[in-house]
N, C-alpha and C. Protein backbone atom coordinates (compact mmCIF):
# COMPACT_ATOMS: atom_id res chain seq x y z
N MET A 1 6.65 12.19 -15.76
CA MET A 1 6.23 12.71 -14.33
C MET A 1 4.85 13.29 -14.56
N ALA A 2 4.02 13.13 -13.52
CA ALA A 2 2.71 13.61 -13.44
C ALA A 2 2.59 15.06 -13.52
N ASN A 3 1.59 15.58 -14.09
CA ASN A 3 1.39 17.00 -14.17
C ASN A 3 0.48 17.37 -13.06
N THR A 4 0.39 18.66 -12.87
CA THR A 4 -0.23 19.31 -11.63
C THR A 4 -1.76 18.82 -11.59
N SER A 5 -2.47 18.82 -12.83
CA SER A 5 -3.84 18.28 -12.71
C SER A 5 -3.99 16.82 -12.17
N GLU A 6 -3.14 15.95 -12.62
CA GLU A 6 -3.22 14.60 -12.13
C GLU A 6 -2.94 14.51 -10.76
N LEU A 7 -1.94 15.27 -10.21
CA LEU A 7 -1.57 15.28 -8.79
C LEU A 7 -2.68 15.84 -7.92
N ALA A 8 -3.25 16.88 -8.32
CA ALA A 8 -4.26 17.48 -7.63
C ALA A 8 -5.53 16.65 -7.45
N CYS A 9 -5.81 15.90 -8.58
CA CYS A 9 -7.06 14.98 -8.52
C CYS A 9 -6.72 13.81 -7.69
N THR A 10 -5.48 13.33 -7.68
CA THR A 10 -5.00 12.19 -6.83
C THR A 10 -5.26 12.53 -5.36
N TYR A 11 -4.65 13.73 -5.03
CA TYR A 11 -4.71 14.11 -3.65
C TYR A 11 -6.21 14.35 -3.24
N ALA A 12 -6.99 14.95 -4.12
CA ALA A 12 -8.44 15.16 -3.81
C ALA A 12 -9.17 13.73 -3.54
N ALA A 13 -8.83 12.82 -4.35
CA ALA A 13 -9.38 11.43 -4.26
C ALA A 13 -8.95 10.83 -2.95
N LEU A 14 -7.69 11.08 -2.62
CA LEU A 14 -7.16 10.44 -1.34
C LEU A 14 -7.82 11.12 -0.05
N ILE A 15 -7.97 12.39 -0.15
CA ILE A 15 -8.59 13.10 0.92
C ILE A 15 -10.13 12.58 1.12
N LEU A 16 -10.79 12.49 -0.09
CA LEU A 16 -12.20 12.02 0.01
C LEU A 16 -12.23 10.64 0.72
N HIS A 17 -11.37 9.70 0.23
CA HIS A 17 -11.18 8.37 0.64
C HIS A 17 -11.02 8.32 2.12
N ASP A 18 -9.95 9.18 2.44
CA ASP A 18 -9.52 9.12 3.90
C ASP A 18 -10.64 9.52 4.87
N ASP A 19 -11.48 10.47 4.39
CA ASP A 19 -12.60 11.00 5.20
C ASP A 19 -13.92 10.18 5.10
N GLY A 20 -13.75 9.08 4.40
CA GLY A 20 -14.89 8.12 4.12
C GLY A 20 -16.02 8.70 3.25
N ILE A 21 -15.75 9.64 2.36
CA ILE A 21 -16.74 10.26 1.48
C ILE A 21 -16.68 9.67 0.18
N GLU A 22 -17.78 9.43 -0.41
CA GLU A 22 -17.86 8.87 -1.87
C GLU A 22 -17.16 9.72 -2.77
N ILE A 23 -16.29 9.06 -3.60
CA ILE A 23 -15.54 9.84 -4.46
C ILE A 23 -16.16 10.08 -5.79
N THR A 24 -16.57 11.29 -6.16
CA THR A 24 -17.29 11.65 -7.29
C THR A 24 -16.53 12.74 -7.96
N ALA A 25 -16.84 12.95 -9.36
CA ALA A 25 -16.12 13.96 -10.12
C ALA A 25 -16.46 15.39 -9.51
N GLU A 26 -17.62 15.61 -9.03
CA GLU A 26 -17.99 16.92 -8.55
C GLU A 26 -17.25 17.16 -7.22
N LYS A 27 -17.12 16.18 -6.43
CA LYS A 27 -16.39 16.37 -5.16
C LYS A 27 -14.90 16.57 -5.33
N ILE A 28 -14.31 15.86 -6.28
CA ILE A 28 -12.89 16.06 -6.67
C ILE A 28 -12.76 17.44 -7.18
N ALA A 29 -13.60 17.96 -8.09
CA ALA A 29 -13.43 19.26 -8.73
C ALA A 29 -13.68 20.41 -7.70
N LYS A 30 -14.47 20.03 -6.79
CA LYS A 30 -14.68 21.04 -5.58
C LYS A 30 -13.59 21.29 -4.71
N LEU A 31 -12.82 20.07 -4.36
CA LEU A 31 -11.60 20.07 -3.59
C LEU A 31 -10.36 20.80 -4.45
N VAL A 32 -10.37 20.35 -5.76
CA VAL A 32 -9.32 21.03 -6.53
C VAL A 32 -9.42 22.54 -6.58
N LYS A 33 -10.74 22.98 -6.78
CA LYS A 33 -10.97 24.41 -6.90
C LYS A 33 -10.64 25.09 -5.54
N ALA A 34 -10.96 24.41 -4.36
CA ALA A 34 -10.81 24.99 -3.21
C ALA A 34 -9.34 25.22 -2.93
N ALA A 35 -8.39 24.33 -3.47
CA ALA A 35 -7.10 24.37 -3.40
C ALA A 35 -6.44 25.34 -4.33
N ASN A 36 -7.33 25.99 -5.20
CA ASN A 36 -6.88 27.03 -6.12
C ASN A 36 -5.97 26.45 -7.16
N VAL A 37 -6.25 25.27 -7.71
CA VAL A 37 -5.55 24.66 -8.81
C VAL A 37 -6.46 24.45 -9.96
N ASP A 38 -5.92 24.92 -11.09
CA ASP A 38 -6.74 24.77 -12.29
C ASP A 38 -6.43 23.46 -13.00
N VAL A 39 -7.69 22.74 -13.27
CA VAL A 39 -7.40 21.43 -13.93
C VAL A 39 -8.30 21.39 -15.12
N GLU A 40 -7.95 20.49 -16.09
CA GLU A 40 -8.86 20.31 -17.27
C GLU A 40 -10.02 19.65 -16.83
N SER A 41 -11.09 19.88 -17.41
CA SER A 41 -12.45 19.48 -16.87
C SER A 41 -12.60 17.93 -16.96
N TYR A 42 -11.88 17.21 -17.67
CA TYR A 42 -11.96 15.75 -17.77
C TYR A 42 -11.29 15.09 -16.69
N TRP A 43 -10.35 15.68 -16.06
CA TRP A 43 -9.50 14.92 -15.01
C TRP A 43 -10.29 14.45 -13.86
N PRO A 44 -11.21 15.27 -13.23
CA PRO A 44 -12.05 14.85 -12.02
C PRO A 44 -12.83 13.63 -12.39
N SER A 45 -13.48 13.50 -13.67
CA SER A 45 -14.29 12.47 -13.98
C SER A 45 -13.51 11.20 -14.13
N LEU A 46 -12.41 11.29 -14.77
CA LEU A 46 -11.38 10.18 -15.02
C LEU A 46 -11.08 9.46 -13.66
N PHE A 47 -10.73 10.43 -12.71
CA PHE A 47 -10.25 9.87 -11.41
C PHE A 47 -11.44 9.35 -10.70
N ALA A 48 -12.57 9.88 -10.83
CA ALA A 48 -13.83 9.33 -10.15
C ALA A 48 -14.14 7.87 -10.63
N LYS A 49 -14.07 7.76 -11.96
CA LYS A 49 -14.32 6.48 -12.54
C LYS A 49 -13.30 5.34 -12.19
N LEU A 50 -12.07 5.74 -12.04
CA LEU A 50 -11.02 5.02 -11.61
C LEU A 50 -11.31 4.45 -10.19
N CYS A 51 -11.68 5.42 -9.44
CA CYS A 51 -11.97 5.14 -7.91
C CYS A 51 -13.12 4.21 -7.74
N GLN A 52 -14.07 4.35 -8.63
CA GLN A 52 -15.28 3.54 -8.51
C GLN A 52 -15.01 2.01 -8.92
N LYS A 53 -14.04 1.89 -9.81
CA LYS A 53 -13.56 0.51 -10.32
C LYS A 53 -12.63 -0.17 -9.50
N LYS A 54 -11.87 0.54 -8.77
CA LYS A 54 -10.65 0.03 -7.93
C LYS A 54 -10.88 0.16 -6.52
N ASN A 55 -10.33 -0.70 -5.71
CA ASN A 55 -10.35 -0.58 -4.28
C ASN A 55 -9.19 0.40 -3.92
N ILE A 56 -9.48 1.52 -3.50
CA ILE A 56 -8.46 2.57 -3.11
C ILE A 56 -7.39 2.01 -2.05
N ASP A 57 -7.80 1.27 -1.08
CA ASP A 57 -6.96 0.68 -0.10
C ASP A 57 -5.89 -0.24 -0.79
N ASP A 58 -6.32 -1.04 -1.70
CA ASP A 58 -5.38 -1.94 -2.54
C ASP A 58 -4.43 -1.13 -3.34
N LEU A 59 -4.87 0.09 -3.81
CA LEU A 59 -3.93 0.91 -4.59
C LEU A 59 -2.92 1.46 -3.67
N ILE A 60 -3.41 1.97 -2.53
CA ILE A 60 -2.42 2.58 -1.63
C ILE A 60 -1.37 1.52 -1.13
N MET A 61 -1.81 0.38 -0.86
CA MET A 61 -0.91 -0.64 -0.26
C MET A 61 0.10 -1.23 -1.35
N ASN A 62 -0.29 -1.16 -2.58
CA ASN A 62 0.48 -1.59 -3.64
C ASN A 62 1.14 -0.68 -4.48
N VAL A 63 1.54 0.45 -3.87
CA VAL A 63 2.14 1.54 -4.63
C VAL A 63 3.43 1.08 -5.44
N GLY A 64 4.24 0.35 -4.77
CA GLY A 64 5.54 -0.15 -5.45
C GLY A 64 5.32 -1.30 -6.43
N ALA A 65 4.27 -1.93 -6.44
CA ALA A 65 4.08 -3.05 -7.23
C ALA A 65 3.74 -2.64 -8.65
N SER A 66 4.06 -3.61 -9.56
CA SER A 66 3.67 -3.06 -11.08
C SER A 66 3.00 -4.29 -11.69
N GLY A 67 2.09 -3.96 -12.62
CA GLY A 67 1.46 -4.88 -13.59
C GLY A 67 0.96 -6.05 -12.91
N ASP A 68 1.33 -7.39 -13.18
CA ASP A 68 0.73 -8.49 -12.60
C ASP A 68 1.04 -8.76 -11.18
N ALA A 69 2.18 -8.15 -10.71
CA ALA A 69 2.58 -8.13 -9.21
C ALA A 69 1.52 -7.58 -8.44
N ALA A 70 0.93 -6.43 -8.81
CA ALA A 70 0.00 -5.74 -8.07
C ALA A 70 -1.38 -6.55 -8.03
N ALA A 71 -1.69 -7.18 -9.02
CA ALA A 71 -3.01 -8.01 -9.03
C ALA A 71 -2.76 -9.28 -8.25
N THR A 72 -1.61 -9.96 -8.33
CA THR A 72 -1.22 -11.08 -7.41
C THR A 72 -1.23 -10.62 -5.96
N VAL A 73 -0.63 -9.61 -5.58
CA VAL A 73 -0.55 -9.12 -4.12
C VAL A 73 -2.03 -8.80 -3.62
N SER A 74 -2.82 -8.06 -4.43
CA SER A 74 -4.11 -7.66 -4.04
C SER A 74 -5.06 -8.90 -3.88
N THR A 75 -4.85 -9.99 -4.74
CA THR A 75 -5.73 -11.19 -4.41
C THR A 75 -5.34 -12.00 -3.28
N ASN A 76 -4.03 -11.93 -2.91
CA ASN A 76 -3.52 -12.76 -1.85
C ASN A 76 -3.08 -12.08 -0.61
N VAL A 77 -3.92 -11.00 -0.16
CA VAL A 77 -3.71 -10.28 1.00
C VAL A 77 -3.56 -11.09 2.20
N PRO A 78 -4.59 -11.94 2.53
CA PRO A 78 -4.58 -12.63 3.61
C PRO A 78 -3.26 -13.62 3.84
N ALA A 79 -2.91 -14.22 2.70
CA ALA A 79 -1.71 -14.97 2.69
C ALA A 79 -0.46 -14.14 2.95
N ALA A 80 -0.41 -12.96 2.41
CA ALA A 80 0.71 -12.11 2.64
C ALA A 80 0.76 -11.64 4.13
N THR A 81 -0.30 -11.43 4.75
CA THR A 81 -0.37 -10.99 6.14
C THR A 81 0.14 -12.20 7.10
N LYS A 82 -0.18 -13.43 6.61
CA LYS A 82 0.21 -14.59 7.41
C LYS A 82 1.80 -14.86 7.25
N ALA A 83 2.34 -14.45 6.17
CA ALA A 83 3.80 -14.69 5.95
C ALA A 83 4.61 -13.90 6.79
N VAL A 84 4.17 -12.73 7.16
CA VAL A 84 5.04 -11.80 7.98
C VAL A 84 5.21 -12.49 9.38
N PRO A 85 4.27 -12.93 10.05
CA PRO A 85 4.50 -13.62 11.34
C PRO A 85 5.29 -14.81 11.20
N ALA A 86 5.07 -15.60 10.13
CA ALA A 86 5.82 -16.83 9.81
C ALA A 86 7.37 -16.45 9.75
N ALA A 87 7.59 -15.34 9.05
CA ALA A 87 8.99 -14.95 8.81
C ALA A 87 9.70 -14.53 10.15
N GLU A 88 8.89 -13.82 10.99
CA GLU A 88 9.43 -13.34 12.31
C GLU A 88 9.66 -14.71 13.12
N GLU A 89 8.76 -15.68 13.14
CA GLU A 89 9.19 -16.92 13.81
C GLU A 89 10.32 -17.65 13.41
N THR A 90 10.50 -17.64 12.03
CA THR A 90 11.64 -18.33 11.49
C THR A 90 12.91 -17.60 11.99
N LYS A 91 12.89 -16.34 12.02
CA LYS A 91 14.03 -15.56 12.42
C LYS A 91 14.36 -15.78 13.84
N LYS A 92 13.27 -15.81 14.79
CA LYS A 92 13.49 -16.19 16.12
C LYS A 92 14.05 -17.52 16.27
N LYS A 93 13.61 -18.47 15.54
CA LYS A 93 14.09 -19.89 15.69
C LYS A 93 15.58 -19.90 15.25
N LYS A 94 16.04 -19.11 14.21
CA LYS A 94 17.40 -19.16 13.85
C LYS A 94 18.28 -18.55 14.89
N GLU A 95 17.81 -17.52 15.50
CA GLU A 95 18.55 -16.89 16.65
C GLU A 95 18.73 -17.82 17.82
N GLU A 96 17.62 -18.67 18.04
CA GLU A 96 17.66 -19.58 19.29
C GLU A 96 18.70 -20.62 18.86
N VAL A 97 18.79 -21.11 17.67
CA VAL A 97 19.61 -22.22 17.30
C VAL A 97 21.03 -21.62 17.36
N LYS A 98 21.42 -20.42 17.06
CA LYS A 98 22.69 -19.84 17.05
C LYS A 98 23.16 -19.87 18.56
N GLU A 99 22.24 -19.31 19.42
CA GLU A 99 22.69 -19.42 20.83
C GLU A 99 23.02 -20.74 21.29
N GLU A 100 22.22 -21.71 21.02
CA GLU A 100 22.35 -23.08 21.51
C GLU A 100 23.74 -23.70 20.92
N SER A 101 23.98 -23.38 19.70
CA SER A 101 25.21 -23.99 19.08
C SER A 101 26.51 -23.29 19.64
N GLU A 102 26.41 -22.02 20.05
CA GLU A 102 27.66 -21.44 20.70
C GLU A 102 27.75 -22.05 22.07
N ASP A 103 26.76 -22.35 22.79
CA ASP A 103 26.91 -22.99 24.15
C ASP A 103 27.47 -24.36 23.96
N ASP A 104 26.98 -25.12 23.06
CA ASP A 104 27.44 -26.40 22.70
C ASP A 104 28.99 -26.53 22.40
N MET A 105 29.46 -25.53 21.67
CA MET A 105 30.77 -25.57 21.22
C MET A 105 31.76 -25.25 22.51
N VAL A 106 31.34 -24.36 23.34
CA VAL A 106 32.20 -24.00 24.50
C VAL A 106 32.29 -25.24 25.44
N PHE A 107 31.20 -25.82 25.89
CA PHE A 107 31.22 -26.81 26.94
C PHE A 107 31.29 -28.20 26.29
N GLY A 108 31.10 -28.40 25.06
CA GLY A 108 31.07 -29.78 24.53
C GLY A 108 32.34 -30.48 24.50
N LEU A 109 33.53 -29.93 24.43
CA LEU A 109 34.68 -30.63 24.32
C LEU A 109 35.15 -31.32 25.67
N PHE A 110 34.92 -30.82 26.91
CA PHE A 110 35.36 -31.34 28.09
C PHE A 110 34.31 -31.79 28.97
N ASP A 111 33.09 -32.01 28.54
CA ASP A 111 32.08 -32.59 29.45
C ASP A 111 31.99 -34.07 29.68
């Protein structure tokens, strides 16, 4: 389980990202201090370095993904967004087929 220092730095980084502010160790430390949370001095710089190397939006969108799955999903975002409408269309087609087949069964015997 994450400790208080990690959580405080995570929330600070998310706040900065949400406001469109560059994520730096100084800004993370300032937010954490304003929240009256004591953190070890190395946490803000670690989180700032992580945020500079990674796309925060990808990290947020892939919270449940692990290891290689996160890398695969983040590189195939356009394909994943196309898959959702395709799945909805398939579901609609299946519903339409069910409706047609029920009608055919009722009236097909004596027509």
